[in-house]
mmCIF file of all heavy atoms, coordinates in Angstrom:
data_MODEL
# 
_entry.id   MODEL 
# 
loop_
_atom_site.group_PDB 
_atom_site.id 
_atom_site.type_symbol 
_atom_site.label_atom_id 
_atom_site.label_alt_id 
_atom_site.label_comp_id 
_atom_site.label_asym_id 
_atom_site.label_entity_id 
_atom_site.label_seq_id 
_atom_site.pdbx_PDB_ins_code 
_atom_site.Cartn_x 
_atom_site.Cartn_y 
_atom_site.Cartn_z 
_atom_site.occupancy 
_atom_site.B_iso_or_equiv 
_atom_site.pdbx_formal_charge 
_atom_site.auth_seq_id 
_atom_site.auth_comp_id 
_atom_site.auth_asym_id 
_atom_site.auth_atom_id 
_atom_site.pdbx_PDB_model_num 
ATOM 1   N N   . TYR A 1 1  ? 0.844   -1.212 -0.001  1.00 0.00 ? 1  TYR A N   1 
ATOM 2   C CA  . TYR A 1 1  ? 0.000   -0.020 -0.014  1.00 0.00 ? 1  TYR A CA  1 
ATOM 3   C C   . TYR A 1 1  ? 0.880   1.261  -0.073  1.00 0.00 ? 1  TYR A C   1 
ATOM 4   O O   . TYR A 1 1  ? 0.636   2.209  -0.834  1.00 0.00 ? 1  TYR A O   1 
ATOM 5   C CB  . TYR A 1 1  ? -0.886  -0.039 1.265   1.00 0.00 ? 1  TYR A CB  1 
ATOM 6   C CG  . TYR A 1 1  ? -1.861  1.156  1.379   1.00 0.00 ? 1  TYR A CG  1 
ATOM 7   C CD1 . TYR A 1 1  ? -3.144  1.032  0.794   1.00 0.00 ? 1  TYR A CD1 1 
ATOM 8   C CD2 . TYR A 1 1  ? -1.467  2.297  1.979   1.00 0.00 ? 1  TYR A CD2 1 
ATOM 9   C CE1 . TYR A 1 1  ? -4.004  2.130  0.893   1.00 0.00 ? 1  TYR A CE1 1 
ATOM 10  C CE2 . TYR A 1 1  ? -2.389  3.334  2.148   1.00 0.00 ? 1  TYR A CE2 1 
ATOM 11  C CZ  . TYR A 1 1  ? -3.661  3.221  1.559   1.00 0.00 ? 1  TYR A CZ  1 
ATOM 12  O OH  . TYR A 1 1  ? -4.546  4.343  1.696   1.00 0.00 ? 1  TYR A OH  1 
ATOM 13  N N   . SER A 1 2  ? 1.881   1.278  0.886   1.00 0.00 ? 2  SER A N   1 
ATOM 14  C CA  . SER A 1 2  ? 2.725   2.506  0.998   1.00 0.00 ? 2  SER A CA  1 
ATOM 15  C C   . SER A 1 2  ? 3.572   2.724  -0.276  1.00 0.00 ? 2  SER A C   1 
ATOM 16  O O   . SER A 1 2  ? 3.680   3.920  -0.682  1.00 0.00 ? 2  SER A O   1 
ATOM 17  C CB  . SER A 1 2  ? 3.689   2.270  2.165   1.00 0.00 ? 2  SER A CB  1 
ATOM 18  O OG  . SER A 1 2  ? 3.028   2.082  3.408   1.00 0.00 ? 2  SER A OG  1 
ATOM 19  N N   . GLU A 1 3  ? 4.073   1.650  -0.841  1.00 0.00 ? 3  GLU A N   1 
ATOM 20  C CA  . GLU A 1 3  ? 4.904   1.795  -2.053  1.00 0.00 ? 3  GLU A CA  1 
ATOM 21  C C   . GLU A 1 3  ? 4.091   2.302  -3.233  1.00 0.00 ? 3  GLU A C   1 
ATOM 22  O O   . GLU A 1 3  ? 4.496   3.179  -4.020  1.00 0.00 ? 3  GLU A O   1 
ATOM 23  C CB  . GLU A 1 3  ? 5.566   0.464  -2.391  1.00 0.00 ? 3  GLU A CB  1 
ATOM 24  C CG  . GLU A 1 3  ? 6.684   0.071  -1.423  1.00 0.00 ? 3  GLU A CG  1 
ATOM 25  C CD  . GLU A 1 3  ? 7.274   -1.276 -1.744  1.00 0.00 ? 3  GLU A CD  1 
ATOM 26  O OE1 . GLU A 1 3  ? 6.701   -1.979 -2.613  1.00 0.00 ? 3  GLU A OE1 1 
ATOM 27  O OE2 . GLU A 1 3  ? 8.290   -1.624 -1.093  1.00 0.00 ? 3  GLU A OE2 1 
ATOM 28  N N   . VAL A 1 4  ? 2.844   1.739  -3.350  1.00 0.00 ? 4  VAL A N   1 
ATOM 29  C CA  . VAL A 1 4  ? 1.967   2.175  -4.497  1.00 0.00 ? 4  VAL A CA  1 
ATOM 30  C C   . VAL A 1 4  ? 1.664   3.636  -4.376  1.00 0.00 ? 4  VAL A C   1 
ATOM 31  O O   . VAL A 1 4  ? 1.791   4.359  -5.393  1.00 0.00 ? 4  VAL A O   1 
ATOM 32  C CB  . VAL A 1 4  ? 0.730   1.341  -4.506  1.00 0.00 ? 4  VAL A CB  1 
ATOM 33  C CG1 . VAL A 1 4  ? -0.344  1.986  -5.432  1.00 0.00 ? 4  VAL A CG1 1 
ATOM 34  C CG2 . VAL A 1 4  ? 0.991   -0.120 -4.987  1.00 0.00 ? 4  VAL A CG2 1 
ATOM 35  N N   . TRP A 1 5  ? 1.212   4.125  -3.275  1.00 0.00 ? 5  TRP A N   1 
ATOM 36  C CA  . TRP A 1 5  ? 0.864   5.525  -3.144  1.00 0.00 ? 5  TRP A CA  1 
ATOM 37  C C   . TRP A 1 5  ? 2.042   6.532  -3.152  1.00 0.00 ? 5  TRP A C   1 
ATOM 38  O O   . TRP A 1 5  ? 1.921   7.571  -3.653  1.00 0.00 ? 5  TRP A O   1 
ATOM 39  C CB  . TRP A 1 5  ? 0.076   5.753  -1.852  1.00 0.00 ? 5  TRP A CB  1 
ATOM 40  C CG  . TRP A 1 5  ? -1.374  5.361  -1.997  1.00 0.00 ? 5  TRP A CG  1 
ATOM 41  C CD1 . TRP A 1 5  ? -2.068  4.416  -1.294  1.00 0.00 ? 5  TRP A CD1 1 
ATOM 42  C CD2 . TRP A 1 5  ? -2.283  5.867  -2.967  1.00 0.00 ? 5  TRP A CD2 1 
ATOM 43  N NE1 . TRP A 1 5  ? -3.331  4.299  -1.727  1.00 0.00 ? 5  TRP A NE1 1 
ATOM 44  C CE2 . TRP A 1 5  ? -3.543  5.131  -2.759  1.00 0.00 ? 5  TRP A CE2 1 
ATOM 45  C CE3 . TRP A 1 5  ? -2.236  6.815  -3.912  1.00 0.00 ? 5  TRP A CE3 1 
ATOM 46  C CZ2 . TRP A 1 5  ? -4.677  5.478  -3.478  1.00 0.00 ? 5  TRP A CZ2 1 
ATOM 47  C CZ3 . TRP A 1 5  ? -3.336  7.064  -4.727  1.00 0.00 ? 5  TRP A CZ3 1 
ATOM 48  C CH2 . TRP A 1 5  ? -4.573  6.426  -4.501  1.00 0.00 ? 5  TRP A CH2 1 
ATOM 49  N N   . ASP A 1 6  ? 3.142   6.018  -2.758  1.00 0.00 ? 6  ASP A N   1 
ATOM 50  C CA  . ASP A 1 6  ? 4.420   6.898  -2.934  1.00 0.00 ? 6  ASP A CA  1 
ATOM 51  C C   . ASP A 1 6  ? 4.682   7.061  -4.381  1.00 0.00 ? 6  ASP A C   1 
ATOM 52  O O   . ASP A 1 6  ? 4.964   8.204  -4.834  1.00 0.00 ? 6  ASP A O   1 
ATOM 53  C CB  . ASP A 1 6  ? 5.586   6.163  -2.184  1.00 0.00 ? 6  ASP A CB  1 
ATOM 54  C CG  . ASP A 1 6  ? 6.858   6.900  -2.408  1.00 0.00 ? 6  ASP A CG  1 
ATOM 55  O OD1 . ASP A 1 6  ? 6.956   8.070  -2.044  1.00 0.00 ? 6  ASP A OD1 1 
ATOM 56  O OD2 . ASP A 1 6  ? 7.823   6.322  -3.018  1.00 0.00 ? 6  ASP A OD2 1 
ATOM 57  N N   . LYS A 1 7  ? 4.581   6.057  -5.221  1.00 0.00 ? 7  LYS A N   1 
ATOM 58  C CA  . LYS A 1 7  ? 4.899   6.145  -6.594  1.00 0.00 ? 7  LYS A CA  1 
ATOM 59  C C   . LYS A 1 7  ? 3.812   6.882  -7.300  1.00 0.00 ? 7  LYS A C   1 
ATOM 60  O O   . LYS A 1 7  ? 4.087   7.648  -8.286  1.00 0.00 ? 7  LYS A O   1 
ATOM 61  C CB  . LYS A 1 7  ? 5.055   4.694  -7.229  1.00 0.00 ? 7  LYS A CB  1 
ATOM 62  C CG  . LYS A 1 7  ? 6.353   4.036  -6.741  1.00 0.00 ? 7  LYS A CG  1 
ATOM 63  C CD  . LYS A 1 7  ? 6.411   2.621  -7.292  1.00 0.00 ? 7  LYS A CD  1 
ATOM 64  C CE  . LYS A 1 7  ? 7.693   1.903  -6.733  1.00 0.00 ? 7  LYS A CE  1 
ATOM 65  N NZ  . LYS A 1 7  ? 7.788   0.512  -7.253  1.00 0.00 ? 7  LYS A NZ  1 
ATOM 66  N N   . VAL A 1 8  ? 2.535   6.649  -6.945  1.00 0.00 ? 8  VAL A N   1 
ATOM 67  C CA  . VAL A 1 8  ? 1.400   7.318  -7.617  1.00 0.00 ? 8  VAL A CA  1 
ATOM 68  C C   . VAL A 1 8  ? 1.562   8.838  -7.373  1.00 0.00 ? 8  VAL A C   1 
ATOM 69  O O   . VAL A 1 8  ? 1.432   9.672  -8.387  1.00 0.00 ? 8  VAL A O   1 
ATOM 70  C CB  . VAL A 1 8  ? 0.078   6.793  -7.218  1.00 0.00 ? 8  VAL A CB  1 
ATOM 71  C CG1 . VAL A 1 8  ? -1.071  7.743  -7.731  1.00 0.00 ? 8  VAL A CG1 1 
ATOM 72  C CG2 . VAL A 1 8  ? -0.099  5.433  -7.694  1.00 0.00 ? 8  VAL A CG2 1 
ATOM 73  N N   . ILE A 1 9  ? 1.656   9.260  -6.164  1.00 0.00 ? 9  ILE A N   1 
ATOM 74  C CA  . ILE A 1 9  ? 1.595   10.663 -5.822  1.00 0.00 ? 9  ILE A CA  1 
ATOM 75  C C   . ILE A 1 9  ? 2.930   11.433 -5.998  1.00 0.00 ? 9  ILE A C   1 
ATOM 76  O O   . ILE A 1 9  ? 3.042   12.417 -6.673  1.00 0.00 ? 9  ILE A O   1 
ATOM 77  C CB  . ILE A 1 9  ? 1.096   10.888 -4.367  1.00 0.00 ? 9  ILE A CB  1 
ATOM 78  C CG1 . ILE A 1 9  ? -0.261  10.239 -4.253  1.00 0.00 ? 9  ILE A CG1 1 
ATOM 79  C CG2 . ILE A 1 9  ? 1.009   12.406 -4.072  1.00 0.00 ? 9  ILE A CG2 1 
ATOM 80  C CD1 . ILE A 1 9  ? -1.364  10.760 -5.081  1.00 0.00 ? 9  ILE A CD1 1 
ATOM 81  N N   . ASN A 1 10 ? 3.962   10.843 -5.393  1.00 0.00 ? 10 ASN A N   1 
ATOM 82  C CA  . ASN A 1 10 ? 5.277   11.555 -5.515  1.00 0.00 ? 10 ASN A CA  1 
ATOM 83  C C   . ASN A 1 10 ? 5.978   11.450 -6.854  1.00 0.00 ? 10 ASN A C   1 
ATOM 84  O O   . ASN A 1 10 ? 6.672   12.408 -7.286  1.00 0.00 ? 10 ASN A O   1 
ATOM 85  C CB  . ASN A 1 10 ? 6.226   11.024 -4.405  1.00 0.00 ? 10 ASN A CB  1 
ATOM 86  C CG  . ASN A 1 10 ? 5.789   11.506 -2.948  1.00 0.00 ? 10 ASN A CG  1 
ATOM 87  O OD1 . ASN A 1 10 ? 5.390   12.658 -2.816  1.00 0.00 ? 10 ASN A OD1 1 
ATOM 88  N ND2 . ASN A 1 10 ? 5.841   10.598 -2.034  1.00 0.00 ? 10 ASN A ND2 1 
ATOM 89  N N   . GLU A 1 11 ? 5.749   10.274 -7.567  1.00 0.00 ? 11 GLU A N   1 
ATOM 90  C CA  . GLU A 1 11 ? 6.431   10.094 -8.783  1.00 0.00 ? 11 GLU A CA  1 
ATOM 91  C C   . GLU A 1 11 ? 5.491   10.297 -9.993  1.00 0.00 ? 11 GLU A C   1 
ATOM 92  O O   . GLU A 1 11 ? 5.933   10.250 -11.193 1.00 0.00 ? 11 GLU A O   1 
ATOM 93  C CB  . GLU A 1 11 ? 7.056   8.722  -8.837  1.00 0.00 ? 11 GLU A CB  1 
ATOM 94  C CG  . GLU A 1 11 ? 8.086   8.497  -7.753  1.00 0.00 ? 11 GLU A CG  1 
ATOM 95  C CD  . GLU A 1 11 ? 8.757   7.073  -7.847  1.00 0.00 ? 11 GLU A CD  1 
ATOM 96  O OE1 . GLU A 1 11 ? 8.670   6.439  -8.961  1.00 0.00 ? 11 GLU A OE1 1 
ATOM 97  O OE2 . GLU A 1 11 ? 9.336   6.605  -6.866  1.00 0.00 ? 11 GLU A OE2 1 
ATOM 98  N N   . GLY A 1 12 ? 4.223   10.528 -9.679  1.00 0.00 ? 12 GLY A N   1 
ATOM 99  C CA  . GLY A 1 12 ? 3.249   10.833 -10.806 1.00 0.00 ? 12 GLY A CA  1 
ATOM 100 C C   . GLY A 1 12 ? 2.895   9.580  -11.601 1.00 0.00 ? 12 GLY A C   1 
ATOM 101 O O   . GLY A 1 12 ? 2.434   9.738  -12.704 1.00 0.00 ? 12 GLY A O   1 
ATOM 102 N N   . LYS A 1 13 ? 3.092   8.435  -11.027 1.00 0.00 ? 13 LYS A N   1 
ATOM 103 C CA  . LYS A 1 13 ? 2.895   7.170  -11.861 1.00 0.00 ? 13 LYS A CA  1 
ATOM 104 C C   . LYS A 1 13 ? 1.379   6.782  -11.718 1.00 0.00 ? 13 LYS A C   1 
ATOM 105 O O   . LYS A 1 13 ? 1.044   5.813  -11.048 1.00 0.00 ? 13 LYS A O   1 
ATOM 106 C CB  . LYS A 1 13 ? 3.739   6.093  -11.419 1.00 0.00 ? 13 LYS A CB  1 
ATOM 107 C CG  . LYS A 1 13 ? 5.241   6.388  -11.731 1.00 0.00 ? 13 LYS A CG  1 
ATOM 108 C CD  . LYS A 1 13 ? 6.186   5.212  -11.261 1.00 0.00 ? 13 LYS A CD  1 
ATOM 109 C CE  . LYS A 1 13 ? 7.578   5.505  -11.711 1.00 0.00 ? 13 LYS A CE  1 
ATOM 110 N NZ  . LYS A 1 13 ? 8.525   4.377  -11.311 1.00 0.00 ? 13 LYS A NZ  1 
ATOM 111 N N   . ILE A 1 14 ? 0.585   7.531  -12.313 1.00 0.00 ? 14 ILE A N   1 
ATOM 112 C CA  . ILE A 1 14 ? -0.904  7.367  -12.197 1.00 0.00 ? 14 ILE A CA  1 
ATOM 113 C C   . ILE A 1 14 ? -1.364  6.027  -12.712 1.00 0.00 ? 14 ILE A C   1 
ATOM 114 O O   . ILE A 1 14 ? -2.424  5.478  -12.282 1.00 0.00 ? 14 ILE A O   1 
ATOM 115 C CB  . ILE A 1 14 ? -1.722  8.578  -12.914 1.00 0.00 ? 14 ILE A CB  1 
ATOM 116 C CG1 . ILE A 1 14 ? -3.151  8.571  -12.462 1.00 0.00 ? 14 ILE A CG1 1 
ATOM 117 C CG2 . ILE A 1 14 ? -1.555  8.485  -14.356 1.00 0.00 ? 14 ILE A CG2 1 
ATOM 118 C CD1 . ILE A 1 14 ? -3.377  8.962  -11.030 1.00 0.00 ? 14 ILE A CD1 1 
ATOM 119 N N   . ASP A 1 15 ? -0.677  5.489  -13.658 1.00 0.00 ? 15 ASP A N   1 
ATOM 120 C CA  . ASP A 1 15 ? -1.007  4.146  -14.309 1.00 0.00 ? 15 ASP A CA  1 
ATOM 121 C C   . ASP A 1 15 ? -0.911  3.022  -13.340 1.00 0.00 ? 15 ASP A C   1 
ATOM 122 O O   . ASP A 1 15 ? -1.297  1.903  -13.683 1.00 0.00 ? 15 ASP A O   1 
ATOM 123 C CB  . ASP A 1 15 ? -0.183  3.899  -15.575 1.00 0.00 ? 15 ASP A CB  1 
ATOM 124 C CG  . ASP A 1 15 ? -0.611  4.844  -16.725 1.00 0.00 ? 15 ASP A CG  1 
ATOM 125 O OD1 . ASP A 1 15 ? -1.750  5.291  -16.750 1.00 0.00 ? 15 ASP A OD1 1 
ATOM 126 O OD2 . ASP A 1 15 ? 0.235   5.062  -17.628 1.00 0.00 ? 15 ASP A OD2 1 
ATOM 127 N N   . LEU A 1 16 ? -0.264  3.197  -12.228 1.00 0.00 ? 16 LEU A N   1 
ATOM 128 C CA  . LEU A 1 16 ? -0.188  2.175  -11.195 1.00 0.00 ? 16 LEU A CA  1 
ATOM 129 C C   . LEU A 1 16 ? -1.539  1.965  -10.549 1.00 0.00 ? 16 LEU A C   1 
ATOM 130 O O   . LEU A 1 16 ? -1.791  1.026  -9.800  1.00 0.00 ? 16 LEU A O   1 
ATOM 131 C CB  . LEU A 1 16 ? 0.876   2.503  -10.146 1.00 0.00 ? 16 LEU A CB  1 
ATOM 132 C CG  . LEU A 1 16 ? 2.316   2.394  -10.564 1.00 0.00 ? 16 LEU A CG  1 
ATOM 133 C CD1 . LEU A 1 16 ? 3.248   2.697  -9.447  1.00 0.00 ? 16 LEU A CD1 1 
ATOM 134 C CD2 . LEU A 1 16 ? 2.556   0.929  -11.050 1.00 0.00 ? 16 LEU A CD2 1 
ATOM 135 N N   . ILE A 1 17 ? -2.465  2.880  -10.781 1.00 0.00 ? 17 ILE A N   1 
ATOM 136 C CA  . ILE A 1 17 ? -3.877  2.661  -10.351 1.00 0.00 ? 17 ILE A CA  1 
ATOM 137 C C   . ILE A 1 17 ? -4.466  1.755  -11.385 1.00 0.00 ? 17 ILE A C   1 
ATOM 138 O O   . ILE A 1 17 ? -5.043  2.138  -12.470 1.00 0.00 ? 17 ILE A O   1 
ATOM 139 C CB  . ILE A 1 17 ? -4.688  3.950  -10.175 1.00 0.00 ? 17 ILE A CB  1 
ATOM 140 C CG1 . ILE A 1 17 ? -3.986  4.868  -9.087  1.00 0.00 ? 17 ILE A CG1 1 
ATOM 141 C CG2 . ILE A 1 17 ? -6.129  3.669  -9.864  1.00 0.00 ? 17 ILE A CG2 1 
ATOM 142 C CD1 . ILE A 1 17 ? -4.745  6.131  -8.924  1.00 0.00 ? 17 ILE A CD1 1 
ATOM 143 N N   . ASN A 1 18 ? -4.222  0.454  -11.180 1.00 0.00 ? 18 ASN A N   1 
ATOM 144 C CA  . ASN A 1 18 ? -4.715  -0.586 -12.224 1.00 0.00 ? 18 ASN A CA  1 
ATOM 145 C C   . ASN A 1 18 ? -5.116  -1.825 -11.534 1.00 0.00 ? 18 ASN A C   1 
ATOM 146 O O   . ASN A 1 18 ? -5.075  -1.858 -10.259 1.00 0.00 ? 18 ASN A O   1 
ATOM 147 C CB  . ASN A 1 18 ? -3.526  -0.895 -13.217 1.00 0.00 ? 18 ASN A CB  1 
ATOM 148 C CG  . ASN A 1 18 ? -2.252  -1.332 -12.521 1.00 0.00 ? 18 ASN A CG  1 
ATOM 149 O OD1 . ASN A 1 18 ? -2.291  -2.025 -11.481 1.00 0.00 ? 18 ASN A OD1 1 
ATOM 150 N ND2 . ASN A 1 18 ? -1.096  -0.928 -13.014 1.00 0.00 ? 18 ASN A ND2 1 
ATOM 151 N N   . SER A 1 19 ? -5.471  -2.833 -12.235 1.00 0.00 ? 19 SER A N   1 
ATOM 152 C CA  . SER A 1 19 ? -6.002  -4.055 -11.656 1.00 0.00 ? 19 SER A CA  1 
ATOM 153 C C   . SER A 1 19 ? -4.964  -4.880 -10.913 1.00 0.00 ? 19 SER A C   1 
ATOM 154 O O   . SER A 1 19 ? -5.308  -5.862 -10.219 1.00 0.00 ? 19 SER A O   1 
ATOM 155 C CB  . SER A 1 19 ? -6.641  -4.876 -12.726 1.00 0.00 ? 19 SER A CB  1 
ATOM 156 O OG  . SER A 1 19 ? -5.841  -5.216 -13.751 1.00 0.00 ? 19 SER A OG  1 
ATOM 157 N N   . ASP A 1 20 ? -3.663  -4.596 -11.139 1.00 0.00 ? 20 ASP A N   1 
ATOM 158 C CA  . ASP A 1 20 ? -2.620  -5.229 -10.435 1.00 0.00 ? 20 ASP A CA  1 
ATOM 159 C C   . ASP A 1 20 ? -2.571  -4.808 -8.922  1.00 0.00 ? 20 ASP A C   1 
ATOM 160 O O   . ASP A 1 20 ? -2.191  -5.586 -7.990  1.00 0.00 ? 20 ASP A O   1 
ATOM 161 C CB  . ASP A 1 20 ? -1.250  -5.000 -10.968 1.00 0.00 ? 20 ASP A CB  1 
ATOM 162 C CG  . ASP A 1 20 ? -1.106  -5.615 -12.365 1.00 0.00 ? 20 ASP A CG  1 
ATOM 163 O OD1 . ASP A 1 20 ? -1.782  -6.666 -12.631 1.00 0.00 ? 20 ASP A OD1 1 
ATOM 164 O OD2 . ASP A 1 20 ? -0.320  -5.140 -13.225 1.00 0.00 ? 20 ASP A OD2 1 
ATOM 165 N N   . ASN A 1 21 ? -2.953  -3.515 -8.716  1.00 0.00 ? 21 ASN A N   1 
ATOM 166 C CA  . ASN A 1 21 ? -2.825  -2.994 -7.301  1.00 0.00 ? 21 ASN A CA  1 
ATOM 167 C C   . ASN A 1 21 ? -4.142  -2.647 -6.691  1.00 0.00 ? 21 ASN A C   1 
ATOM 168 O O   . ASN A 1 21 ? -4.232  -2.493 -5.471  1.00 0.00 ? 21 ASN A O   1 
ATOM 169 C CB  . ASN A 1 21 ? -1.991  -1.725 -7.413  1.00 0.00 ? 21 ASN A CB  1 
ATOM 170 C CG  . ASN A 1 21 ? -0.597  -1.930 -7.976  1.00 0.00 ? 21 ASN A CG  1 
ATOM 171 O OD1 . ASN A 1 21 ? 0.144   -2.851 -7.468  1.00 0.00 ? 21 ASN A OD1 1 
ATOM 172 N ND2 . ASN A 1 21 ? -0.222  -1.143 -8.934  1.00 0.00 ? 21 ASN A ND2 1 
ATOM 173 N N   . PHE A 1 22 ? -5.198  -2.551 -7.511  1.00 0.00 ? 22 PHE A N   1 
ATOM 174 C CA  . PHE A 1 22 ? -6.513  -2.195 -7.019  1.00 0.00 ? 22 PHE A CA  1 
ATOM 175 C C   . PHE A 1 22 ? -7.525  -3.219 -7.421  1.00 0.00 ? 22 PHE A C   1 
ATOM 176 O O   . PHE A 1 22 ? -7.485  -3.737 -8.571  1.00 0.00 ? 22 PHE A O   1 
ATOM 177 C CB  . PHE A 1 22 ? -6.955  -0.807 -7.514  1.00 0.00 ? 22 PHE A CB  1 
ATOM 178 C CG  . PHE A 1 22 ? -6.062  0.309  -6.952  1.00 0.00 ? 22 PHE A CG  1 
ATOM 179 C CD1 . PHE A 1 22 ? -4.804  0.572  -7.493  1.00 0.00 ? 22 PHE A CD1 1 
ATOM 180 C CD2 . PHE A 1 22 ? -6.549  1.072  -5.904  1.00 0.00 ? 22 PHE A CD2 1 
ATOM 181 C CE1 . PHE A 1 22 ? -4.029  1.559  -6.988  1.00 0.00 ? 22 PHE A CE1 1 
ATOM 182 C CE2 . PHE A 1 22 ? -5.717  2.162  -5.356  1.00 0.00 ? 22 PHE A CE2 1 
ATOM 183 C CZ  . PHE A 1 22 ? -4.502  2.410  -5.916  1.00 0.00 ? 22 PHE A CZ  1 
ATOM 184 N N   . THR A 1 23 ? -8.565  -3.438 -6.673  1.00 0.00 ? 23 THR A N   1 
ATOM 185 C CA  . THR A 1 23 ? -9.690  -4.330 -7.111  1.00 0.00 ? 23 THR A CA  1 
ATOM 186 C C   . THR A 1 23 ? -10.467 -3.582 -8.167  1.00 0.00 ? 23 THR A C   1 
ATOM 187 O O   . THR A 1 23 ? -10.546 -2.377 -8.128  1.00 0.00 ? 23 THR A O   1 
ATOM 188 C CB  . THR A 1 23 ? -10.560 -4.731 -5.947  1.00 0.00 ? 23 THR A CB  1 
ATOM 189 O OG1 . THR A 1 23 ? -11.150 -3.535 -5.428  1.00 0.00 ? 23 THR A OG1 1 
ATOM 190 C CG2 . THR A 1 23 ? -9.817  -5.411 -4.846  1.00 0.00 ? 23 THR A CG2 1 
ATOM 191 N N   . THR A 1 24 ? -11.110 -4.328 -9.024  1.00 0.00 ? 24 THR A N   1 
ATOM 192 C CA  . THR A 1 24 ? -11.815 -3.652 -10.158 1.00 0.00 ? 24 THR A CA  1 
ATOM 193 C C   . THR A 1 24 ? -12.978 -2.819 -9.651  1.00 0.00 ? 24 THR A C   1 
ATOM 194 O O   . THR A 1 24 ? -13.397 -1.947 -10.325 1.00 0.00 ? 24 THR A O   1 
ATOM 195 C CB  . THR A 1 24 ? -12.319 -4.746 -11.154 1.00 0.00 ? 24 THR A CB  1 
ATOM 196 O OG1 . THR A 1 24 ? -13.120 -5.706 -10.431 1.00 0.00 ? 24 THR A OG1 1 
ATOM 197 C CG2 . THR A 1 24 ? -11.076 -5.446 -11.805 1.00 0.00 ? 24 THR A CG2 1 
ATOM 198 N N   . ASP A 1 25 ? -13.443 -3.186 -8.418  1.00 0.00 ? 25 ASP A N   1 
ATOM 199 C CA  . ASP A 1 25 ? -14.627 -2.482 -7.851  1.00 0.00 ? 25 ASP A CA  1 
ATOM 200 C C   . ASP A 1 25 ? -14.156 -1.550 -6.734  1.00 0.00 ? 25 ASP A C   1 
ATOM 201 O O   . ASP A 1 25 ? -14.922 -1.265 -5.819  1.00 0.00 ? 25 ASP A O   1 
ATOM 202 C CB  . ASP A 1 25 ? -15.706 -3.440 -7.461  1.00 0.00 ? 25 ASP A CB  1 
ATOM 203 C CG  . ASP A 1 25 ? -15.203 -4.386 -6.290  1.00 0.00 ? 25 ASP A CG  1 
ATOM 204 O OD1 . ASP A 1 25 ? -13.956 -4.466 -6.110  1.00 0.00 ? 25 ASP A OD1 1 
ATOM 205 O OD2 . ASP A 1 25 ? -16.095 -5.087 -5.703  1.00 0.00 ? 25 ASP A OD2 1 
ATOM 206 N N   . VAL A 1 26 ? -12.895 -1.126 -6.835  1.00 0.00 ? 26 VAL A N   1 
ATOM 207 C CA  . VAL A 1 26 ? -12.388 -0.189 -5.728  1.00 0.00 ? 26 VAL A CA  1 
ATOM 208 C C   . VAL A 1 26 ? -13.338 0.956  -5.487  1.00 0.00 ? 26 VAL A C   1 
ATOM 209 O O   . VAL A 1 26 ? -13.935 1.524  -6.455  1.00 0.00 ? 26 VAL A O   1 
ATOM 210 C CB  . VAL A 1 26 ? -10.941 0.272  -6.123  1.00 0.00 ? 26 VAL A CB  1 
ATOM 211 C CG1 . VAL A 1 26 ? -10.961 1.083  -7.358  1.00 0.00 ? 26 VAL A CG1 1 
ATOM 212 C CG2 . VAL A 1 26 ? -10.343 1.016  -4.914  1.00 0.00 ? 26 VAL A CG2 1 
ATOM 213 N N   . VAL A 1 27 ? -13.424 1.370  -4.199  1.00 0.00 ? 27 VAL A N   1 
ATOM 214 C CA  . VAL A 1 27 ? -14.402 2.362  -3.826  1.00 0.00 ? 27 VAL A CA  1 
ATOM 215 C C   . VAL A 1 27 ? -13.659 3.466  -2.947  1.00 0.00 ? 27 VAL A C   1 
ATOM 216 O O   . VAL A 1 27 ? -12.890 3.175  -2.098  1.00 0.00 ? 27 VAL A O   1 
ATOM 217 C CB  . VAL A 1 27 ? -15.526 1.807  -2.936  1.00 0.00 ? 27 VAL A CB  1 
ATOM 218 C CG1 . VAL A 1 27 ? -16.451 2.936  -2.446  1.00 0.00 ? 27 VAL A CG1 1 
ATOM 219 C CG2 . VAL A 1 27 ? -16.293 0.745  -3.731  1.00 0.00 ? 27 VAL A CG2 1 
ATOM 220 N N   . MET A 1 28 ? -13.907 4.706  -3.430  1.00 0.00 ? 28 MET A N   1 
ATOM 221 C CA  . MET A 1 28 ? -13.518 5.880  -2.686  1.00 0.00 ? 28 MET A CA  1 
ATOM 222 C C   . MET A 1 28 ? -14.839 6.443  -2.057  1.00 0.00 ? 28 MET A C   1 
ATOM 223 O O   . MET A 1 28 ? -15.678 6.879  -2.742  1.00 0.00 ? 28 MET A O   1 
ATOM 224 C CB  . MET A 1 28 ? -12.837 6.944  -3.507  1.00 0.00 ? 28 MET A CB  1 
ATOM 225 C CG  . MET A 1 28 ? -12.747 8.332  -2.968  1.00 0.00 ? 28 MET A CG  1 
ATOM 226 S SD  . MET A 1 28 ? -11.704 8.407  -1.435  1.00 0.00 ? 28 MET A SD  1 
ATOM 227 C CE  . MET A 1 28 ? -10.087 8.231  -2.197  1.00 0.00 ? 28 MET A CE  1 
# 
């Protein structure tokens, strides 16, 4: 969890929000 959000936000790797790291029905 920590590694994914560090890369998404700090490194701008928005494509890591995908089915490898999130469930297809992920909910905010």
